Amino acid sequence: MFIGLIVVAIAAALGLAIHRRGYVGYPPAPAGLAVLHRGEAAFVDAVAEVLFPGGGALVLSGVEAQLPHYIDRHLAALPRGKRVLIRLLFNTVEHITLLVPGDEPGGRRRFSSLSAASRVSILDRLAHHPNGLFRLLFTALRSVFVFGYLGHPANLHGLGLSPFEIEPVVSDAELLFPRVGGLMSSIDFEEADRTVDRDTVNPPLDPHGERHRAYSRAGRTGR
């Protein structure tokens, strides 16, 4: 009976410790998330802040690029198995401080609760760790973040990779052929709708031409 009470007390203490470390003290999650809970959103922001600090060559910092929203949409589109793996990756790095503590008092706290300098130090040690599994953790984490950061409209515009502003035209192709998979009856254009003359040759796109307005307007609050 006494041993049973000890086991129950130990299990309760462990459960409380896990609950406090894994769920207590996180700020509210940003509005509009469908998959990430508030702890994961805080972790994403904590990683984004040190992976992509402000003042670089691109317009936005990692935090300004609102990566929790990008990653949330990405996870929602993935099969359940892959979604679980990525969330497991986030939780592993969030608590990797139990094995790779930060360079400050209380360095074994959650990754997201450490100072920016300690987070940089931890990621650097993971990236250059003698154990290949730790290096793999860093590589996998970075690959999840980099597409969302570089794919933000404002950063695409800064890289010169945003799409051009192209005025829609109606040529012979639109008059004669339906959209892929459509029926001939789905063609909505007639001869009077033509905007390209048969004898007109469209000039090539200017690599320095105007970009799509949604990208050219993208700023620090755009998604």
Protein backbone atom coordinates (compact mmCIF):
# COMPACT_ATOMS: atom_id res chain seq x y z
CA MET A 1 0.00 0.00 0.00
CA PHE A 2 2.77 2.42 0.97
CA ILE A 3 4.75 1.60 -2.19
CA GLY A 4 1.64 2.18 -4.28
CA LEU A 5 1.18 5.65 -2.76
CA ILE A 6 4.81 6.48 -3.51
CA VAL A 7 4.37 5.40 -7.14
CA VAL A 8 1.21 7.51 -7.46
CA ALA A 9 2.95 10.52 -5.90
CA ILE A 10 5.93 10.18 -8.25
CA ALA A 11 3.63 9.81 -11.27
CA ALA A 12 1.62 12.87 -10.20
CA ALA A 13 4.79 14.91 -9.71
CA LEU A 14 6.10 13.87 -13.13
CA GLY A 15 2.77 14.70 -14.75
CA LEU A 16 2.74 18.13 -13.12
CA ALA A 17 6.34 18.81 -14.19
CA ILE A 18 5.59 17.77 -17.78
CA HIS A 19 2.45 19.90 -17.81
CA ARG A 20 4.29 22.96 -16.47
CA ARG A 21 7.16 22.59 -18.93
CA GLY A 22 5.04 21.75 -21.95
CA TYR A 23 1.97 23.96 -21.58
CA VAL A 24 2.21 26.62 -18.86
CA GLY A 25 3.48 30.15 -19.42
CA TYR A 26 3.12 30.51 -23.18
CA PRO A 27 1.62 33.72 -24.60
CA PRO A 28 -1.70 33.50 -26.49
CA ALA A 29 -1.43 32.15 -30.02
CA PRO A 30 -1.89 34.56 -32.96
CA ALA A 31 -5.43 34.67 -34.31
CA GLY A 32 -6.28 32.47 -37.27
CA LEU A 33 -4.20 29.35 -36.53
CA ALA A 34 -5.85 26.03 -37.32
CA VAL A 35 -3.19 23.50 -36.28
CA LEU A 36 -0.47 25.04 -34.11
CA HIS A 37 -1.20 25.49 -30.41
CA ARG A 38 0.15 28.49 -28.55
CA GLY A 39 3.33 26.75 -27.40
CA GLU A 40 4.23 25.74 -30.94
CA ALA A 41 3.45 29.23 -32.24
CA ALA A 42 5.76 30.73 -29.58
CA PHE A 43 8.48 28.25 -30.55
CA VAL A 44 8.15 29.15 -34.24
CA ASP A 45 8.51 32.85 -33.46
CA ALA A 46 11.49 32.14 -31.19
CA VAL A 47 13.28 30.21 -33.96
CA ALA A 48 12.33 32.71 -36.67
CA GLU A 49 13.72 35.61 -34.63
CA VAL A 50 17.23 34.12 -34.49
CA LEU A 51 17.30 32.32 -37.86
CA PHE A 52 16.27 35.46 -39.75
CA PRO A 53 17.11 38.54 -37.66
CA GLY A 54 16.18 42.00 -38.83
CA GLY A 55 18.55 44.36 -40.57
CA GLY A 56 19.58 41.89 -43.27
CA ALA A 57 19.41 42.15 -47.04
CA LEU A 58 15.71 41.22 -47.18
CA VAL A 59 12.80 43.44 -46.25
CA LEU A 60 11.36 41.43 -43.38
CA SER A 61 12.78 39.75 -40.33
CA GLY A 62 11.65 36.26 -39.43
CA VAL A 63 9.13 37.55 -36.90
CA GLU A 64 7.72 40.13 -39.34
CA ALA A 65 7.23 37.37 -41.94
CA GLN A 66 4.61 35.82 -39.60
CA LEU A 67 5.95 32.30 -39.96
CA PRO A 68 3.44 30.76 -37.51
CA HIS A 69 0.71 31.44 -40.10
CA TYR A 70 2.77 30.00 -42.97
CA ILE A 71 3.72 26.87 -41.03
CA ASP A 72 0.15 26.45 -39.80
CA ARG A 73 -1.15 26.47 -43.40
CA HIS A 74 1.65 24.11 -44.44
CA LEU A 75 0.84 21.63 -41.66
CA ALA A 76 -2.88 21.77 -42.40
CA ALA A 77 -2.18 20.70 -45.99
CA LEU A 78 0.05 17.75 -45.04
CA PRO A 79 -1.04 14.16 -44.40
CA ARG A 80 -1.47 13.40 -40.70
CA GLY A 81 1.70 11.31 -40.46
CA LYS A 82 3.97 14.07 -41.80
CA ARG A 83 2.19 16.66 -39.71
CA VAL A 84 2.91 14.63 -36.57
CA LEU A 85 6.60 14.33 -37.50
CA ILE A 86 7.02 18.09 -37.92
CA ARG A 87 5.26 18.83 -34.65
CA LEU A 88 7.45 16.22 -32.95
CA LEU A 89 10.49 18.02 -34.42
CA PHE A 90 9.30 21.32 -32.93
CA ASN A 91 8.75 19.80 -29.49
CA THR A 92 12.12 18.03 -29.58
CA VAL A 93 14.01 21.27 -30.26
CA GLU A 94 11.85 23.20 -27.79
CA HIS A 95 13.04 20.86 -25.04
CA ILE A 96 16.52 20.04 -26.40
CA THR A 97 17.81 22.37 -23.69
CA LEU A 98 17.58 19.46 -21.27
CA LEU A 99 20.53 17.99 -23.22
CA VAL A 100 22.03 21.13 -24.80
CA PRO A 101 21.44 23.94 -22.28
CA GLY A 102 21.65 27.62 -23.09
CA ASP A 103 24.60 29.79 -22.07
CA GLU A 104 22.82 31.63 -19.28
CA PRO A 105 21.42 30.94 -15.81
CA GLY A 106 18.38 28.72 -16.18
CA GLY A 107 19.67 27.53 -19.55
CA ARG A 108 17.65 24.32 -19.31
CA ARG A 109 14.37 26.19 -19.63
CA ARG A 110 12.36 25.81 -22.82
CA PHE A 111 14.10 27.00 -25.97
CA SER A 112 11.45 29.65 -26.62
CA SER A 113 11.88 31.16 -23.14
CA LEU A 114 15.64 31.75 -23.47
CA SER A 115 17.32 34.94 -24.60
CA ALA A 116 18.06 35.45 -28.28
CA ALA A 117 21.80 35.01 -27.65
CA SER A 118 21.25 31.63 -25.99
CA ARG A 119 18.95 30.50 -28.77
CA VAL A 120 21.58 31.42 -31.36
CA SER A 121 24.19 29.49 -29.38
CA ILE A 122 21.99 26.38 -29.13
CA LEU A 123 21.18 26.34 -32.85
CA ASP A 124 24.86 26.84 -33.67
CA ARG A 125 25.82 23.91 -31.44
CA LEU A 126 23.16 21.73 -33.03
CA ALA A 127 24.38 22.67 -36.52
CA HIS A 128 27.98 21.70 -35.66
CA HIS A 129 27.36 18.93 -33.13
CA PRO A 130 29.63 15.87 -33.46
CA ASN A 131 26.54 13.65 -33.30
CA GLY A 132 24.87 13.47 -36.71
CA LEU A 133 21.38 13.17 -35.18
CA PHE A 134 21.69 16.62 -33.62
CA ARG A 135 22.91 18.08 -36.91
CA LEU A 136 19.95 16.43 -38.65
CA LEU A 137 17.58 18.11 -36.19
CA PHE A 138 18.95 21.52 -37.13
CA THR A 139 18.85 20.81 -40.87
CA ALA A 140 15.25 19.57 -40.69
CA LEU A 141 14.19 22.56 -38.61
CA ARG A 142 15.82 25.07 -40.94
CA SER A 143 14.25 23.48 -44.02
CA VAL A 144 10.75 23.92 -42.56
CA PHE A 145 11.36 27.62 -41.91
CA VAL A 146 13.32 28.74 -44.94
CA PHE A 147 10.58 28.25 -47.53
CA GLY A 148 8.09 30.24 -45.52
CA TYR A 149 10.54 33.08 -44.97
CA LEU A 150 11.83 33.35 -48.53
CA GLY A 151 8.33 32.72 -49.92
CA HIS A 152 6.80 35.73 -48.20
CA PRO A 153 5.59 38.19 -50.88
CA ALA A 154 7.70 41.07 -49.53
CA ASN A 155 10.86 38.97 -49.52
CA LEU A 156 10.12 37.55 -52.96
CA HIS A 157 9.81 41.11 -54.21
CA GLY A 158 13.11 42.01 -52.59
CA LEU A 159 14.79 39.02 -54.25
CA GLY A 160 13.36 39.96 -57.64
CA LEU A 161 11.40 36.71 -57.77
CA SER A 162 7.86 38.05 -57.47
CA PRO A 163 5.67 37.48 -60.54
CA PHE A 164 5.29 40.14 -63.18
CA GLU A 165 2.18 42.24 -63.65
CA ILE A 166 0.79 40.75 -66.85
CA GLU A 167 -2.37 42.09 -68.40
CA PRO A 168 -4.69 39.26 -69.43
CA VAL A 169 -5.17 38.93 -73.18
CA VAL A 170 -7.54 37.05 -75.45
CA SER A 171 -5.78 35.50 -78.41
CA ASP A 172 -6.51 32.68 -80.87
CA ALA A 173 -5.78 30.11 -78.18
CA GLU A 174 -8.50 31.43 -75.87
CA LEU A 175 -11.00 31.52 -78.76
CA LEU A 176 -10.28 28.00 -79.97
CA PHE A 177 -9.44 25.92 -76.90
CA PRO A 178 -11.09 25.50 -73.47
CA ARG A 179 -9.15 25.41 -70.24
CA VAL A 180 -7.38 22.14 -69.51
CA GLY A 181 -10.00 19.49 -68.80
CA GLY A 182 -12.89 21.69 -69.87
CA LEU A 183 -15.49 21.17 -72.58
CA MET A 184 -15.62 23.20 -75.78
CA SER A 185 -18.86 24.67 -74.51
CA SER A 186 -16.93 26.27 -71.63
CA ILE A 187 -15.18 28.75 -73.97
CA ASP A 188 -16.59 32.13 -72.97
CA PHE A 189 -14.83 34.29 -75.58
CA GLU A 190 -15.94 35.40 -79.02
CA GLU A 191 -14.17 37.17 -81.87
CA ALA A 192 -15.21 40.52 -80.45
CA ASP A 193 -13.36 39.74 -77.21
CA ARG A 194 -10.00 39.42 -78.94
CA THR A 195 -7.36 41.77 -77.50
CA VAL A 196 -4.39 40.50 -79.54
CA ASP A 197 -4.28 41.04 -83.31
CA ARG A 198 -3.20 38.13 -85.46
CA ASP A 199 -0.32 40.15 -86.88
CA THR A 200 0.89 41.46 -83.52
CA VAL A 201 3.97 39.89 -81.96
CA ASN A 202 3.98 40.21 -78.18
CA PRO A 203 7.30 41.58 -76.90
CA PRO A 204 9.23 39.50 -74.34
CA LEU A 205 8.83 40.35 -70.67
CA ASP A 206 11.12 43.06 -69.36
CA PRO A 207 13.14 41.56 -66.46
CA HIS A 208 12.94 44.97 -64.79
CA GLY A 209 9.27 45.43 -65.54
CA GLU A 210 6.46 46.06 -63.10
CA ARG A 211 5.75 43.30 -60.62
CA HIS A 212 2.35 41.98 -59.63
CA ARG A 213 0.62 44.59 -57.50
CA ALA A 214 -0.07 42.16 -54.63
CA TYR A 215 3.68 41.60 -54.30
CA SER A 216 4.78 45.17 -54.91
CA ARG A 217 2.50 46.33 -52.10
CA ALA A 218 3.61 43.62 -49.70
CA GLY A 219 5.16 45.15 -46.63
CA ARG A 220 5.89 44.38 -43.03
CA THR A 221 2.31 43.40 -42.26
CA GLY A 222 1.57 41.48 -45.47
CA ARG A 223 1.09 37.71 -45.53
